[in-house]
Amino acid sequence: MILRILGFKTQVVEFVSSEATARNIMIKAEFCVKPGQCGPVGEYLALRDYWGVKPWLEDRLAPLLAKYLSRYE
Protein backbone atom coordinates (compact mmCIF):
# COMPACT_ATOMS: atom_id res chain seq x y z
CA MET A 1 0.00 0.00 0.00
CA ILE A 2 2.87 2.39 0.76
CA LEU A 3 4.34 1.78 -2.68
CA ARG A 4 0.95 2.50 -4.24
CA ILE A 5 0.75 5.80 -2.32
CA LEU A 6 4.14 6.77 -3.73
CA GLY A 7 2.99 6.18 -7.32
CA PHE A 8 3.95 2.60 -8.01
CA LYS A 9 1.76 -0.03 -9.61
CA THR A 10 2.40 -3.18 -7.60
CA GLN A 11 2.03 -6.88 -8.25
CA VAL A 12 2.78 -9.80 -5.93
CA VAL A 13 4.56 -12.61 -7.78
CA GLU A 14 5.34 -16.15 -6.65
CA PHE A 15 8.69 -16.84 -8.33
CA VAL A 16 9.52 -20.29 -6.94
CA SER A 17 7.14 -23.14 -6.29
CA SER A 18 5.85 -23.12 -2.72
CA GLU A 19 6.94 -26.75 -2.53
CA ALA A 20 10.57 -25.66 -2.88
CA THR A 21 10.57 -22.89 -0.26
CA ALA A 22 8.18 -20.86 1.84
CA ARG A 23 10.04 -17.66 0.95
CA ASN A 24 8.99 -17.23 -2.62
CA ILE A 25 7.00 -14.01 -2.79
CA MET A 26 8.31 -10.97 -4.65
CA ILE A 27 6.70 -7.55 -4.94
CA LYS A 28 7.08 -6.16 -8.43
CA ALA A 29 6.70 -2.37 -8.54
CA GLU A 30 6.62 -0.05 -11.53
CA PHE A 31 6.49 3.73 -11.18
CA CYS A 32 3.65 4.72 -13.45
CA VAL A 33 0.82 6.54 -11.62
CA LYS A 34 0.44 9.90 -9.94
CA PRO A 35 1.59 9.72 -6.29
CA GLY A 36 -0.83 10.52 -3.48
CA GLN A 37 -4.10 9.38 -5.04
CA CYS A 38 -6.89 9.31 -2.48
CA GLY A 39 -7.83 5.63 -3.05
CA PRO A 40 -4.54 4.04 -1.95
CA VAL A 41 -4.06 6.60 0.85
CA GLY A 42 -7.52 5.94 2.27
CA GLU A 43 -7.10 2.17 2.04
CA TYR A 44 -3.72 2.34 3.76
CA LEU A 45 -4.93 4.56 6.60
CA ALA A 46 -8.01 2.40 7.17
CA LEU A 47 -5.91 -0.78 7.29
CA ARG A 48 -3.26 0.78 9.54
CA ASP A 49 -5.86 2.15 11.95
CA TYR A 50 -7.86 -1.09 11.96
CA TRP A 51 -4.81 -3.08 13.05
CA GLY A 52 -3.62 -0.28 15.38
CA VAL A 53 -0.04 -0.38 14.11
CA LYS A 54 2.43 1.99 12.50
CA PRO A 55 4.61 0.09 10.02
CA TRP A 56 8.37 0.53 10.17
CA LEU A 57 8.37 1.43 6.49
CA GLU A 58 6.09 4.39 7.18
CA ASP A 59 8.67 5.76 9.64
CA ARG A 60 11.55 5.19 7.21
CA LEU A 61 9.73 6.86 4.32
CA ALA A 62 8.16 9.63 6.43
CA PRO A 63 9.77 12.45 4.40
CA LEU A 64 8.19 11.08 1.21
CA LEU A 65 4.84 10.03 2.70
CA ALA A 66 4.15 13.02 4.96
CA LYS A 67 2.64 15.25 2.31
CA TYR A 68 0.22 12.53 1.18
CA LEU A 69 -0.82 11.14 4.56
CA SER A 70 -1.29 14.53 6.21
CA ARG A 71 -4.07 15.44 3.77
CA TYR A 72 -6.25 12.60 4.98
CA GLU A 73 -5.40 12.18 8.68
PDB file of N, CA and C in Angstrom:
ATOM      1  N   MET A   1       0.821  -1.180   0.000  1.00  0.00           N
ATOM      2  CA  MET A   1       0.000   0.000   0.000  1.00  0.00           C
ATOM      3  C   MET A   1       0.878   1.262   0.000  1.00  0.00           C
ATOM      4  N   ILE A   2       1.980   1.215   0.722  1.00  0.00           N
ATOM      5  CA  ILE A   2       2.866   2.385   0.759  1.00  0.00           C
ATOM      6  C   ILE A   2       3.459   2.639  -0.620  1.00  0.00           C
ATOM      7  N   LEU A   3       3.827   1.602  -1.317  1.00  0.00           N
ATOM      8  CA  LEU A   3       4.344   1.779  -2.684  1.00  0.00           C
ATOM      9  C   LEU A   3       3.277   2.376  -3.590  1.00  0.00           C
ATOM     10  N   ARG A   4       2.036   1.951  -3.432  1.00  0.00           N
ATOM     11  CA  ARG A   4       0.946   2.505  -4.245  1.00  0.00           C
ATOM     12  C   ARG A   4       0.752   3.988  -3.950  1.00  0.00           C
ATOM     13  N   ILE A   5       0.869   4.388  -2.680  1.00  0.00           N
ATOM     14  CA  ILE A   5       0.747   5.800  -2.318  1.00  0.00           C
ATOM     15  C   ILE A   5       1.824   6.618  -3.022  1.00  0.00           C
ATOM     16  N   LEU A   6       3.017   6.058  -3.132  1.00  0.00           N
ATOM     17  CA  LEU A   6       4.143   6.774  -3.734  1.00  0.00           C
ATOM     18  C   LEU A   6       4.145   6.733  -5.260  1.00  0.00           C
ATOM     19  N   GLY A   7       3.115   6.139  -5.870  1.00  0.00           N
ATOM     20  CA  GLY A   7       2.985   6.183  -7.323  1.00  0.00           C
ATOM     21  C   GLY A   7       3.406   4.943  -8.068  1.00  0.00           C
ATOM     22  N   PHE A   8       3.554   3.841  -7.361  1.00  0.00           N
ATOM     23  CA  PHE A   8       3.953   2.597  -8.006  1.00  0.00           C
ATOM     24  C   PHE A   8       2.751   1.691  -8.225  1.00  0.00           C
ATOM     25  N   LYS A   9       2.720   1.041  -9.360  1.00  0.00           N
ATOM     26  CA  LYS A   9       1.761  -0.029  -9.609  1.00  0.00           C
ATOM     27  C   LYS A   9       2.435  -1.292  -9.100  1.00  0.00           C
ATOM     28  N   THR A  10       1.762  -2.031  -8.225  1.00  0.00           N
ATOM     29  CA  THR A  10       2.399  -3.180  -7.600  1.00  0.00           C
ATOM     30  C   THR A  10       1.720  -4.483  -7.994  1.00  0.00           C
ATOM     31  N   GLN A  11       2.517  -5.536  -7.944  1.00  0.00           N
ATOM     32  CA  GLN A  11       2.034  -6.876  -8.250  1.00  0.00           C
ATOM     33  C   GLN A  11       2.829  -7.854  -7.390  1.00  0.00           C
ATOM     34  N   VAL A  12       2.126  -8.769  -6.728  1.00  0.00           N
ATOM     35  CA  VAL A  12       2.783  -9.799  -5.929  1.00  0.00           C
ATOM     36  C   VAL A  12       2.968 -11.022  -6.813  1.00  0.00           C
ATOM     37  N   VAL A  13       4.219 -11.506  -6.885  1.00  0.00           N
ATOM     38  CA  VAL A  13       4.558 -12.609  -7.781  1.00  0.00           C
ATOM     39  C   VAL A  13       5.175 -13.745  -6.973  1.00  0.00           C
ATOM     40  N   GLU A  14       4.722 -14.969  -7.228  1.00  0.00           N
ATOM     41  CA  GLU A  14       5.343 -16.150  -6.646  1.00  0.00           C
ATOM     42  C   GLU A  14       6.371 -16.641  -7.664  1.00  0.00           C
ATOM     43  N   PHE A  15       7.668 -16.549  -7.336  1.00  0.00           N
ATOM     44  CA  PHE A  15       8.693 -16.835  -8.334  1.00  0.00           C
ATOM     45  C   PHE A  15       9.358 -18.193  -8.185  1.00  0.00           C
ATOM     46  N   VAL A  16       9.044 -18.924  -7.122  1.00  0.00           N
ATOM     47  CA  VAL A  16       9.524 -20.289  -6.943  1.00  0.00           C
ATOM     48  C   VAL A  16       8.352 -21.088  -6.392  1.00  0.00           C
ATOM     49  N   SER A  17       8.227 -22.296  -6.789  1.00  0.00           N
ATOM     50  CA  SER A  17       7.144 -23.143  -6.294  1.00  0.00           C
ATOM     51  C   SER A  17       7.132 -23.175  -4.769  1.00  0.00           C
ATOM     52  N   SER A  18       5.954 -23.099  -4.182  1.00  0.00           N
ATOM     53  CA  SER A  18       5.853 -23.120  -2.720  1.00  0.00           C
ATOM     54  C   SER A  18       6.328 -24.457  -2.148  1.00  0.00           C
ATOM     55  N   GLU A  19       6.410 -25.462  -2.974  1.00  0.00           N
ATOM     56  CA  GLU A  19       6.936 -26.751  -2.528  1.00  0.00           C
ATOM     57  C   GLU A  19       8.445 -26.676  -2.287  1.00  0.00           C
ATOM     58  N   ALA A  20       9.123 -25.786  -3.002  1.00  0.00           N
ATOM     59  CA  ALA A  20      10.574 -25.664  -2.878  1.00  0.00           C
ATOM     60  C   ALA A  20      10.971 -24.841  -1.652  1.00  0.00           C
ATOM     61  N   THR A  21      10.251 -23.769  -1.393  1.00  0.00           N
ATOM     62  CA  THR A  21      10.572 -22.894  -0.264  1.00  0.00           C
ATOM     63  C   THR A  21       9.362 -22.070   0.117  1.00  0.00           C
ATOM     64  N   ALA A  22       9.291 -21.714   1.370  1.00  0.00           N
ATOM     65  CA  ALA A  22       8.180 -20.863   1.838  1.00  0.00           C
ATOM     66  C   ALA A  22       8.443 -19.395   1.529  1.00  0.00           C
ATOM     67  N   ARG A  23       9.668 -19.054   1.218  1.00  0.00           N
ATOM     68  CA  ARG A  23      10.041 -17.661   0.945  1.00  0.00           C
ATOM     69  C   ARG A  23      10.122 -17.445  -0.559  1.00  0.00           C
ATOM     70  N   ASN A  24       8.990 -17.299  -1.167  1.00  0.00           N
ATOM     71  CA  ASN A  24       8.987 -17.235  -2.620  1.00  0.00           C
ATOM     72  C   ASN A  24       8.105 -16.119  -3.162  1.00  0.00           C
ATOM     73  N   ILE A  25       7.864 -15.094  -2.359  1.00  0.00           N
ATOM     74  CA  ILE A  25       7.005 -14.006  -2.792  1.00  0.00           C
ATOM     75  C   ILE A  25       7.874 -12.785  -3.115  1.00  0.00           C
ATOM     76  N   MET A  26       7.605 -12.167  -4.237  1.00  0.00           N
ATOM     77  CA  MET A  26       8.310 -10.971  -4.653  1.00  0.00           C
ATOM     78  C   MET A  26       7.274  -9.893  -4.965  1.00  0.00           C
ATOM     79  N   ILE A  27       7.565  -8.673  -4.582  1.00  0.00           N
ATOM     80  CA  ILE A  27       6.704  -7.555  -4.939  1.00  0.00           C
ATOM     81  C   ILE A  27       7.336  -6.852  -6.135  1.00  0.00           C
ATOM     82  N   LYS A  28       6.621  -6.820  -7.219  1.00  0.00           N
ATOM     83  CA  LYS A  28       7.079  -6.159  -8.432  1.00  0.00           C
ATOM     84  C   LYS A  28       6.428  -4.772  -8.452  1.00  0.00           C
ATOM     85  N   ALA A  29       7.225  -3.725  -8.567  1.00  0.00           N
ATOM     86  CA  ALA A  29       6.697  -2.366  -8.539  1.00  0.00           C
ATOM     87  C   ALA A  29       7.203  -1.590  -9.744  1.00  0.00           C
ATOM     88  N   GLU A  30       6.289  -0.857 -10.362  1.00  0.00           N
ATOM     89  CA  GLU A  30       6.616  -0.051 -11.529  1.00  0.00           C
ATOM     90  C   GLU A  30       6.062   1.345 -11.310  1.00  0.00           C
ATOM     91  N   PHE A  31       6.932   2.354 -11.384  1.00  0.00           N
ATOM     92  CA  PHE A  31       6.491   3.731 -11.176  1.00  0.00           C
ATOM     93  C   PHE A  31       5.726   4.183 -12.408  1.00  0.00           C
ATOM     94  N   CYS A  32       4.415   4.374 -12.260  1.00  0.00           N
ATOM     95  CA  CYS A  32       3.646   4.724 -13.450  1.00  0.00           C
ATOM     96  C   CYS A  32       2.363   5.496 -13.166  1.00  0.00           C
ATOM     97  N   VAL A  33       2.040   5.782 -11.913  1.00  0.00           N
ATOM     98  CA  VAL A  33       0.823   6.537 -11.621  1.00  0.00           C
ATOM     99  C   VAL A  33       1.163   7.755 -10.778  1.00  0.00           C
ATOM    100  N   LYS A  34       0.224   8.676 -10.706  1.00  0.00           N
ATOM    101  CA  LYS A  34       0.443   9.899  -9.939  1.00  0.00           C
ATOM    102  C   LYS A  34       0.465   9.572  -8.445  1.00  0.00           C
ATOM    103  N   PRO A  35       1.514   9.981  -7.734  1.00  0.00           N
ATOM    104  CA  PRO A  35       1.590   9.716  -6.290  1.00  0.00           C
ATOM    105  C   PRO A  35       0.492  10.444  -5.518  1.00  0.00           C
ATOM    106  N   GLY A  36       0.093   9.867  -4.388  1.00  0.00           N
ATOM    107  CA  GLY A  36      -0.834  10.515  -3.476  1.00  0.00           C
ATOM    108  C   GLY A  36      -2.299  10.433  -3.836  1.00  0.00           C
ATOM    109  N   GLN A  37      -2.683   9.507  -4.686  1.00  0.00           N
ATOM    110  CA  GLN A  37      -4.098   9.376  -5.043  1.00  0.00           C
ATOM    111  C   GLN A  37      -4.894   8.976  -3.808  1.00  0.00           C
ATOM    112  N   CYS A  38      -6.113   9.498  -3.700  1.00  0.00           N
ATOM    113  CA  CYS A  38      -6.892   9.313  -2.478  1.00  0.00           C
ATOM    114  C   CYS A  38      -7.274   7.851  -2.220  1.00  0.00           C
ATOM    115  N   GLY A  39      -7.459   7.032  -3.245  1.00  0.00           N
ATOM    116  CA  GLY A  39      -7.832   5.628  -3.048  1.00  0.00           C
ATOM    117  C   GLY A  39      -6.807   4.855  -2.239  1.00  0.00           C
ATOM    118  N   PRO A  40      -5.567   4.775  -2.705  1.00  0.00           N
ATOM    119  CA  PRO A  40      -4.543   4.043  -1.946  1.00  0.00           C
ATOM    120  C   PRO A  40      -4.269   4.647  -0.563  1.00  0.00           C
ATOM    121  N   VAL A  41      -4.308   5.972  -0.456  1.00  0.00           N
ATOM    122  CA  VAL A  41      -4.060   6.603   0.846  1.00  0.00           C
ATOM    123  C   VAL A  41      -5.154   6.215   1.828  1.00  0.00           C
ATOM    124  N   GLY A  42      -6.405   6.302   1.405  1.00  0.00           N
ATOM    125  CA  GLY A  42      -7.521   5.943   2.270  1.00  0.00           C
ATOM    126  C   GLY A  42      -7.494   4.484   2.686  1.00  0.00           C
ATOM    127  N   GLU A  43      -7.185   3.601   1.733  1.00  0.00           N
ATOM    128  CA  GLU A  43      -7.100   2.174   2.040  1.00  0.00           C
ATOM    129  C   GLU A  43      -5.989   1.896   3.052  1.00  0.00           C
ATOM    130  N   TYR A  44      -4.845   2.539   2.856  1.00  0.00           N
ATOM    131  CA  TYR A  44      -3.716   2.336   3.760  1.00  0.00           C
ATOM    132  C   TYR A  44      -4.056   2.812   5.167  1.00  0.00           C
ATOM    133  N   LEU A  45      -4.605   4.020   5.283  1.00  0.00           N
ATOM    134  CA  LEU A  45      -4.926   4.558   6.603  1.00  0.00           C
ATOM    135  C   LEU A  45      -5.985   3.713   7.309  1.00  0.00           C
ATOM    136  N   ALA A  46      -6.975   3.244   6.567  1.00  0.00           N
ATOM    137  CA  ALA A  46      -8.006   2.399   7.165  1.00  0.00           C
ATOM    138  C   ALA A  46      -7.408   1.088   7.681  1.00  0.00           C
ATOM    139  N   LEU A  47      -6.543   0.474   6.886  1.00  0.00           N
ATOM    140  CA  LEU A  47      -5.910  -0.780   7.292  1.00  0.00           C
ATOM    141  C   LEU A  47      -4.985  -0.572   8.489  1.00  0.00           C
ATOM    142  N   ARG A  48      -4.186   0.474   8.442  1.00  0.00           N
ATOM    143  CA  ARG A  48      -3.258   0.777   9.538  1.00  0.00           C
ATOM    144  C   ARG A  48      -4.019   1.043  10.837  1.00  0.00           C
ATOM    145  N   ASP A  49      -5.084   1.825  10.750  1.00  0.00           N
ATOM    146  CA  ASP A  49      -5.856   2.148  11.948  1.00  0.00           C
ATOM    147  C   ASP A  49      -6.648   0.947  12.458  1.00  0.00           C
ATOM    148  N   TYR A  50      -7.131   0.111  11.553  1.00  0.00           N
ATOM    149  CA  TYR A  50      -7.860  -1.089  11.956  1.00  0.00           C
ATOM    150  C   TYR A  50      -6.975  -2.010  12.794  1.00  0.00           C
ATOM    151  N   TRP A  51      -5.742  -2.203  12.341  1.00  0.00           N
ATOM    152  CA  TRP A  51      -4.808  -3.077  13.053  1.00  0.00           C
ATOM    153  C   TRP A  51      -4.143  -2.367  14.223  1.00  0.00           C
ATOM    154  N   GLY A  52      -4.220  -1.038  14.278  1.00  0.00           N
ATOM    155  CA  GLY A  52      -3.622  -0.284  15.377  1.00  0.00           C
ATOM    156  C   GLY A  52      -2.108  -0.350  15.395  1.00  0.00           C
ATOM    157  N   VAL A  53      -1.502  -0.310  14.216  1.00  0.00           N
ATOM    158  CA  VAL A  53      -0.044  -0.383  14.109  1.00  0.00           C
ATOM    159  C   VAL A  53       0.470   0.771  13.258  1.00  0.00           C
ATOM    160  N   LYS A  54       1.756   1.040  13.389  1.00  0.00           N
ATOM    161  CA  LYS A  54       2.432   1.991  12.500  1.00  0.00           C
ATOM    162  C   LYS A  54       3.621   1.254  11.907  1.00  0.00           C
ATOM    163  N   PRO A  55       3.533   0.872  10.637  1.00  0.00           N
ATOM    164  CA  PRO A  55       4.607   0.090  10.017  1.00  0.00           C
ATOM    165  C   PRO A  55       5.957   0.808  10.028  1.00  0.00           C
ATOM    166  N   TRP A  56       6.997   0.023  10.176  1.00  0.00           N
ATOM    167  CA  TRP A  56       8.367   0.533  10.174  1.00  0.00           C
ATOM    168  C   TRP A  56       8.649   1.297   8.882  1.00  0.00           C
ATOM    169  N   LEU A  57       8.124   0.791   7.782  1.00  0.00           N
ATOM    170  CA  LEU A  57       8.369   1.427   6.487  1.00  0.00           C
ATOM    171  C   LEU A  57       7.783   2.831   6.436  1.00  0.00           C
ATOM    172  N   GLU A  58       6.673   3.047   7.118  1.00  0.00           N
ATOM    173  CA  GLU A  58       6.091   4.389   7.176  1.00  0.00           C
ATOM    174  C   GLU A  58       7.041   5.364   7.877  1.00  0.00           C
ATOM    175  N   ASP A  59       7.682   4.914   8.949  1.00  0.00           N
ATOM    176  CA  ASP A  59       8.668   5.764   9.637  1.00  0.00           C
ATOM    177  C   ASP A  59       9.867   6.046   8.753  1.00  0.00           C
ATOM    178  N   ARG A  60      10.361   5.029   8.064  1.00  0.00           N
ATOM    179  CA  ARG A  60      11.547   5.189   7.214  1.00  0.00           C
ATOM    180  C   ARG A  60      11.279   6.104   6.017  1.00  0.00           C
ATOM    181  N   LEU A  61      10.071   6.056   5.494  1.00  0.00           N
ATOM    182  CA  LEU A  61       9.726   6.858   4.319  1.00  0.00           C
ATOM    183  C   LEU A  61       8.921   8.103   4.680  1.00  0.00           C
ATOM    184  N   ALA A  62       8.946   8.493   5.953  1.00  0.00           N
ATOM    185  CA  ALA A  62       8.162   9.629   6.432  1.00  0.00           C
ATOM    186  C   ALA A  62       8.372  10.902   5.598  1.00  0.00           C
ATOM    187  N   PRO A  63       9.608  11.233   5.210  1.00  0.00           N
ATOM    188  CA  PRO A  63       9.774  12.449   4.401  1.00  0.00           C
ATOM    189  C   PRO A  63       9.015  12.396   3.065  1.00  0.00           C
ATOM    190  N   LEU A  64       8.898  11.222   2.478  1.00  0.00           N
ATOM    191  CA  LEU A  64       8.189  11.080   1.208  1.00  0.00           C
ATOM    192  C   LEU A  64       6.680  10.961   1.400  1.00  0.00           C
ATOM    193  N   LEU A  65       6.253  10.303   2.477  1.00  0.00           N
ATOM    194  CA  LEU A  65       4.836  10.032   2.701  1.00  0.00           C
ATOM    195  C   LEU A  65       4.089  11.181   3.386  1.00  0.00           C
ATOM    196  N   ALA A  66       4.799  12.007   4.129  1.00  0.00           N
ATOM    197  CA  ALA A  66       4.148  13.021   4.961  1.00  0.00           C
ATOM    198  C   ALA A  66       3.162  13.886   4.205  1.00  0.00           C
ATOM    199  N   LYS A  67       3.535  14.352   3.041  1.00  0.00           N
ATOM    200  CA  LYS A  67       2.641  15.253   2.307  1.00  0.00           C
ATOM    201  C   LYS A  67       1.370  14.559   1.822  1.00  0.00           C
ATOM    202  N   TYR A  68       1.402  13.249   1.626  1.00  0.00           N
ATOM    203  CA  TYR A  68       0.222  12.530   1.175  1.00  0.00           C
ATOM    204  C   TYR A  68      -0.665  12.098   2.345  1.00  0.00           C
ATOM    205  N   LEU A  69      -0.044  11.620   3.418  1.00  0.00           N
ATOM    206  CA  LEU A  69      -0.816  11.143   4.558  1.00  0.00           C
ATOM    207  C   LEU A  69      -1.447  12.292   5.342  1.00  0.00           C
ATOM    208  N   SER A  70      -0.763  13.416   5.427  1.00  0.00           N
ATOM    209  CA  SER A  70      -1.287  14.530   6.215  1.00  0.00           C
ATOM    210  C   SER A  70      -2.585  15.099   5.665  1.00  0.00           C
ATOM    211  N   ARG A  71      -2.826  14.951   4.379  1.00  0.00           N
ATOM    212  CA  ARG A  71      -4.074  15.444   3.773  1.00  0.00           C
ATOM    213  C   ARG A  71      -5.294  14.702   4.277  1.00  0.00           C
ATOM    214  N   TYR A  72      -5.119  13.457   4.666  1.00  0.00           N
ATOM    215  CA  TYR A  72      -6.254  12.596   4.979  1.00  0.00           C
ATOM    216  C   TYR A  72      -6.374  12.231   6.451  1.00  0.00           C
ATOM    217  N   GLU A  73      -5.356  12.542   7.247  1.00  0.00           N
ATOM    218  CA  GLU A  73      -5.403  12.176   8.676  1.00  0.00           C
ATOM    219  C   GLU A  73      -6.177  13.210   9.452  1.00  0.00           C
TER     220      GLU A  73
END
